[in-house]
Amino acid sequence: MFEQILIFTISLVANIFSALSGGGAGLIQLPVLIFLGLPFGVAVATHKVATVALGIGATTRHLKESHIERRFALFITATGLPGVILGASFILQVPDRIAEFALGILTLSLSIYSFFSPQLGQSYTPINRTPNGYIIGGLTLFSIGILNGSLTSGTGLFVTLWLVQWFGLDYKRAVTYTLILVGLFWNGAGAITLGILGEIHWLWIPALLLGSVIGGYLGAHLAIVKGNTLIKRSFEVVTLLVGVKLIVG
């Protein structure tokens, strides 16, 4: 019982921050699963299932005040999903330390870049909605999808910042797209792939799912109520912590 309460509490806290900043639940949740005794591959697959619940909780709140463009949402989903499946197919066969370190450096750079760009993501100014813009944007989302399928810690943060930087979304809209599309569809595809190829620790799934759904809803509510400034600061803090954690190991 104590173990289940601990897992629920950790999941709740991790997913509140993740829903508020647009990613990063793996910063807390994945290391804890490993610390509690799960092998890396099993921990990744189990965590991936739980992140789908984060998407459900956040989607429930965001759809009440959503500014989702259906074609743009389909574009994000379609370009990222093949990368997710590809990444999830390889993660169980390859060493992860070098990739985690490189991802940590990149994630840390996101925090620094956003911090020194005060106006970044504070207003909605759509850009790069041209064929070339969509090609570059789609290839980048495909690459992020590979990272999402293989290394689950913080890759949603890359999607959030890419939507802000390349397509001109504000942080609130970018986080909405990330939590709904990455949380539900990308992570859902990754969970199914890892579940088929690997192993999921089902005993801990109920507590993880409950914490993820509630945390996702509460974090999304805070993001909507408080707006872009709080989301931007949360994004910077979470990317900083995720980057350091991945580098240190």
Protein backbone atom coordinates (compact mmCIF):
# COMPACT_ATOMS: atom_id res chain seq x y z
CA MET A 1 0.00 0.00 0.00
CA PHE A 2 2.82 2.41 0.90
CA GLU A 3 4.50 1.67 -2.42
CA GLN A 4 1.30 2.44 -4.34
CA ILE A 5 0.76 5.72 -2.43
CA LEU A 6 4.38 6.72 -3.12
CA ILE A 7 4.04 5.99 -6.84
CA PHE A 8 0.75 7.91 -7.04
CA THR A 9 2.22 10.96 -5.25
CA ILE A 10 5.31 11.04 -7.45
CA SER A 11 3.21 10.64 -10.58
CA LEU A 12 0.86 13.44 -9.47
CA VAL A 13 3.67 15.94 -8.82
CA ALA A 14 5.61 15.02 -11.97
CA ASN A 15 2.58 15.38 -14.22
CA ILE A 16 1.40 18.69 -12.74
CA PHE A 17 4.73 20.22 -13.73
CA SER A 18 4.73 18.41 -17.06
CA ALA A 19 1.26 19.67 -18.02
CA LEU A 20 2.21 23.19 -16.96
CA SER A 21 5.46 23.35 -18.91
CA GLY A 22 4.68 21.12 -21.89
CA GLY A 23 6.75 18.07 -20.98
CA GLY A 24 9.26 16.67 -18.52
CA ALA A 25 7.27 14.13 -16.46
CA GLY A 26 10.09 11.65 -16.98
CA LEU A 27 12.43 13.89 -14.97
CA ILE A 28 10.92 12.56 -11.75
CA GLN A 29 8.83 9.57 -12.73
CA LEU A 30 11.27 7.51 -14.81
CA PRO A 31 14.24 7.65 -12.37
CA VAL A 32 11.93 6.72 -9.48
CA LEU A 33 10.66 3.65 -11.33
CA ILE A 34 14.27 2.59 -11.91
CA PHE A 35 15.20 3.36 -8.28
CA LEU A 36 12.31 1.18 -7.08
CA GLY A 37 13.79 -1.77 -8.92
CA LEU A 38 12.55 -1.84 -12.52
CA PRO A 39 15.09 -2.55 -15.29
CA PHE A 40 15.58 0.39 -17.66
CA GLY A 41 13.55 -1.09 -20.55
CA VAL A 42 10.65 -2.09 -18.29
CA ALA A 43 10.71 1.33 -16.60
CA VAL A 44 10.60 3.12 -19.97
CA ALA A 45 7.65 1.02 -21.19
CA THR A 46 5.76 1.46 -17.89
CA HIS A 47 6.40 5.21 -17.84
CA LYS A 48 5.28 5.53 -21.46
CA VAL A 49 1.91 3.96 -20.65
CA ALA A 50 1.46 6.43 -17.78
CA THR A 51 2.22 9.43 -19.99
CA VAL A 52 -0.81 8.58 -22.11
CA ALA A 53 -2.93 9.24 -19.02
CA LEU A 54 -1.22 12.62 -18.69
CA GLY A 55 -2.46 13.40 -22.19
CA ILE A 56 -5.99 12.33 -21.25
CA GLY A 57 -6.06 14.52 -18.14
CA ALA A 58 -4.62 17.55 -19.91
CA THR A 59 -6.86 17.07 -22.95
CA THR A 60 -9.95 17.01 -20.74
CA ARG A 61 -9.10 20.49 -19.49
CA HIS A 62 -7.66 22.04 -22.66
CA LEU A 63 -10.53 21.07 -24.94
CA LYS A 64 -12.84 23.31 -22.92
CA GLU A 65 -10.89 26.36 -24.13
CA SER A 66 -9.05 24.94 -27.11
CA HIS A 67 -7.76 26.88 -30.11
CA ILE A 68 -6.70 23.70 -31.91
CA GLU A 69 -6.41 23.92 -35.72
CA ARG A 70 -7.40 20.47 -36.97
CA ARG A 71 -5.17 20.38 -40.04
CA PHE A 72 -2.16 21.59 -38.08
CA ALA A 73 -2.89 19.03 -35.36
CA LEU A 74 -3.05 16.27 -37.98
CA PHE A 75 0.27 17.48 -39.42
CA ILE A 76 1.99 17.27 -36.01
CA THR A 77 0.56 13.82 -35.37
CA ALA A 78 1.38 12.40 -38.80
CA THR A 79 4.98 13.67 -38.93
CA GLY A 80 5.85 12.57 -35.40
CA LEU A 81 4.24 9.13 -35.16
CA PRO A 82 6.59 7.29 -37.57
CA GLY A 83 9.58 8.64 -35.63
CA VAL A 84 8.08 7.53 -32.31
CA ILE A 85 7.54 3.97 -33.55
CA LEU A 86 11.05 3.89 -35.03
CA GLY A 87 12.63 5.16 -31.81
CA ALA A 88 10.64 2.78 -29.60
CA SER A 89 11.67 -0.15 -31.80
CA PHE A 90 15.37 0.54 -31.24
CA ILE A 91 15.55 1.63 -27.59
CA LEU A 92 15.44 -1.91 -26.18
CA GLN A 93 18.49 -2.95 -28.22
CA VAL A 94 20.92 -0.03 -27.86
CA PRO A 95 22.94 1.49 -24.99
CA ASP A 96 21.33 4.69 -23.74
CA ARG A 97 23.99 6.62 -21.79
CA ILE A 98 25.61 8.53 -24.68
CA ALA A 99 22.24 9.41 -26.16
CA GLU A 100 20.97 10.57 -22.74
CA PHE A 101 24.01 12.79 -22.27
CA ALA A 102 23.59 14.39 -25.71
CA LEU A 103 19.88 14.86 -25.09
CA GLY A 104 20.72 16.47 -21.75
CA ILE A 105 22.97 19.03 -23.43
CA LEU A 106 20.26 19.85 -25.97
CA THR A 107 17.56 20.11 -23.30
CA LEU A 108 19.71 22.39 -21.15
CA SER A 109 20.24 24.62 -24.18
CA LEU A 110 16.45 24.98 -24.52
CA SER A 111 16.28 26.46 -21.03
CA ILE A 112 19.11 28.90 -21.73
CA TYR A 113 17.69 29.92 -25.10
CA SER A 114 14.20 30.56 -23.71
CA PHE A 115 15.56 32.44 -20.67
CA PHE A 116 17.54 34.85 -22.84
CA SER A 117 14.61 35.37 -25.23
CA PRO A 118 12.17 37.40 -23.08
CA GLN A 119 9.46 37.75 -25.75
CA LEU A 120 9.64 34.17 -26.99
CA GLY A 121 6.22 32.53 -27.00
CA GLN A 122 4.42 35.48 -25.44
CA SER A 123 2.26 36.20 -28.48
CA TYR A 124 0.65 34.18 -31.27
CA THR A 125 2.25 35.12 -34.61
CA PRO A 126 1.95 32.21 -37.08
CA ILE A 127 4.97 31.82 -39.38
CA ASN A 128 6.45 29.24 -41.77
CA ARG A 129 3.04 28.03 -42.97
CA THR A 130 4.47 27.44 -46.46
CA PRO A 131 5.40 24.17 -48.22
CA ASN A 132 9.09 24.59 -47.33
CA GLY A 133 8.17 25.61 -43.80
CA TYR A 134 6.04 22.51 -43.34
CA ILE A 135 8.76 20.25 -44.80
CA ILE A 136 11.43 21.55 -42.40
CA GLY A 137 8.96 21.60 -39.53
CA GLY A 138 7.78 18.07 -40.27
CA LEU A 139 11.28 16.60 -40.56
CA THR A 140 12.19 18.15 -37.23
CA LEU A 141 9.05 16.76 -35.60
CA PHE A 142 9.91 13.34 -37.07
CA SER A 143 13.37 13.59 -35.46
CA ILE A 144 11.86 14.62 -32.13
CA GLY A 145 9.47 11.67 -32.48
CA ILE A 146 12.45 9.30 -32.65
CA LEU A 147 13.75 10.79 -29.39
CA ASN A 148 10.28 10.56 -27.87
CA GLY A 149 10.00 6.87 -28.70
CA SER A 150 13.45 6.00 -27.42
CA LEU A 151 14.35 8.43 -24.61
CA THR A 152 11.22 9.50 -22.80
CA SER A 153 12.62 12.17 -20.48
CA GLY A 154 11.70 15.66 -21.63
CA THR A 155 11.22 15.19 -25.36
CA GLY A 156 7.78 16.83 -25.22
CA LEU A 157 9.65 19.99 -24.25
CA PHE A 158 11.37 19.93 -27.65
CA VAL A 159 8.00 19.82 -29.39
CA THR A 160 6.76 22.75 -27.31
CA LEU A 161 9.73 24.98 -28.11
CA TRP A 162 9.79 23.95 -31.79
CA LEU A 163 6.14 24.93 -32.19
CA VAL A 164 6.91 28.28 -30.54
CA GLN A 165 10.12 28.99 -32.45
CA TRP A 166 9.38 27.62 -35.92
CA PHE A 167 5.62 28.02 -36.26
CA GLY A 168 5.17 31.14 -34.11
CA LEU A 169 2.80 29.73 -31.50
CA ASP A 170 2.59 31.24 -28.04
CA TYR A 171 3.46 28.99 -25.12
CA LYS A 172 -0.15 28.33 -24.17
CA ARG A 173 -1.09 27.08 -27.66
CA ALA A 174 2.16 25.12 -28.01
CA VAL A 175 1.64 23.34 -24.68
CA THR A 176 -1.94 22.50 -25.70
CA TYR A 177 -0.75 20.82 -28.91
CA THR A 178 2.07 19.01 -27.09
CA LEU A 179 -0.08 17.62 -24.30
CA ILE A 180 -2.90 16.49 -26.57
CA LEU A 181 -1.00 15.21 -29.60
CA VAL A 182 2.25 14.06 -28.01
CA GLY A 183 0.57 12.96 -24.79
CA LEU A 184 -2.15 10.92 -26.44
CA PHE A 185 -1.01 9.89 -29.91
CA TRP A 186 2.80 9.92 -29.86
CA ASN A 187 3.03 8.38 -26.39
CA GLY A 188 0.18 6.00 -27.17
CA ALA A 189 2.06 4.67 -30.20
CA GLY A 190 5.26 4.40 -28.15
CA ALA A 191 3.47 2.56 -25.35
CA ILE A 192 1.94 0.04 -27.77
CA THR A 193 5.29 -0.55 -29.50
CA LEU A 194 7.19 -0.98 -26.22
CA GLY A 195 4.39 -3.16 -24.85
CA ILE A 196 4.67 -5.51 -27.85
CA LEU A 197 8.47 -5.61 -27.96
CA GLY A 198 9.23 -5.29 -24.24
CA GLU A 199 7.60 -5.65 -20.84
CA ILE A 200 5.28 -3.42 -18.78
CA HIS A 201 5.08 -3.61 -14.97
CA TRP A 202 1.29 -3.69 -14.75
CA LEU A 203 1.17 -3.80 -10.93
CA TRP A 204 2.15 -0.12 -10.73
CA ILE A 205 0.09 1.08 -13.70
CA PRO A 206 -3.15 1.96 -11.78
CA ALA A 207 -1.35 4.32 -9.37
CA LEU A 208 0.66 5.86 -12.21
CA LEU A 209 -2.43 6.35 -14.36
CA LEU A 210 -4.42 7.98 -11.56
CA GLY A 211 -1.59 10.36 -10.69
CA SER A 212 -1.06 11.18 -14.37
CA VAL A 213 -4.71 11.94 -15.13
CA ILE A 214 -5.20 14.15 -12.07
CA GLY A 215 -1.80 15.81 -12.45
CA GLY A 216 -2.39 16.43 -16.15
CA TYR A 217 -5.73 18.09 -15.48
CA LEU A 218 -4.43 20.28 -12.64
CA GLY A 219 -1.32 21.34 -14.57
CA ALA A 220 -3.38 22.18 -17.65
CA HIS A 221 -5.77 24.22 -15.51
CA LEU A 222 -2.89 26.25 -14.07
CA ALA A 223 -1.47 26.82 -17.56
CA ILE A 224 -4.81 28.13 -18.85
CA VAL A 225 -5.51 30.33 -15.84
CA LYS A 226 -2.02 31.81 -15.39
CA GLY A 227 -1.07 32.22 -19.07
CA ASN A 228 2.12 32.46 -21.10
CA THR A 229 4.45 34.05 -18.55
CA LEU A 230 4.06 31.28 -15.97
CA ILE A 231 4.23 28.62 -18.68
CA LYS A 232 7.47 30.13 -20.02
CA ARG A 233 9.08 30.22 -16.58
CA SER A 234 7.92 26.66 -15.85
CA PHE A 235 9.30 25.53 -19.20
CA GLU A 236 12.69 27.07 -18.40
CA VAL A 237 12.87 25.48 -14.94
CA VAL A 238 11.80 22.03 -16.14
CA THR A 239 14.18 22.03 -19.14
CA LEU A 240 17.01 23.09 -16.83
CA LEU A 241 16.29 20.25 -14.40
CA VAL A 242 15.72 17.66 -17.13
CA GLY A 243 18.95 18.67 -18.88
CA VAL A 244 21.02 18.44 -15.69
CA LYS A 245 19.43 15.11 -14.76
CA LEU A 246 20.18 13.58 -18.16
CA ILE A 247 23.77 14.84 -18.10
CA VAL A 248 24.49 13.63 -14.56
CA GLY A 249 22.67 10.34 -15.14
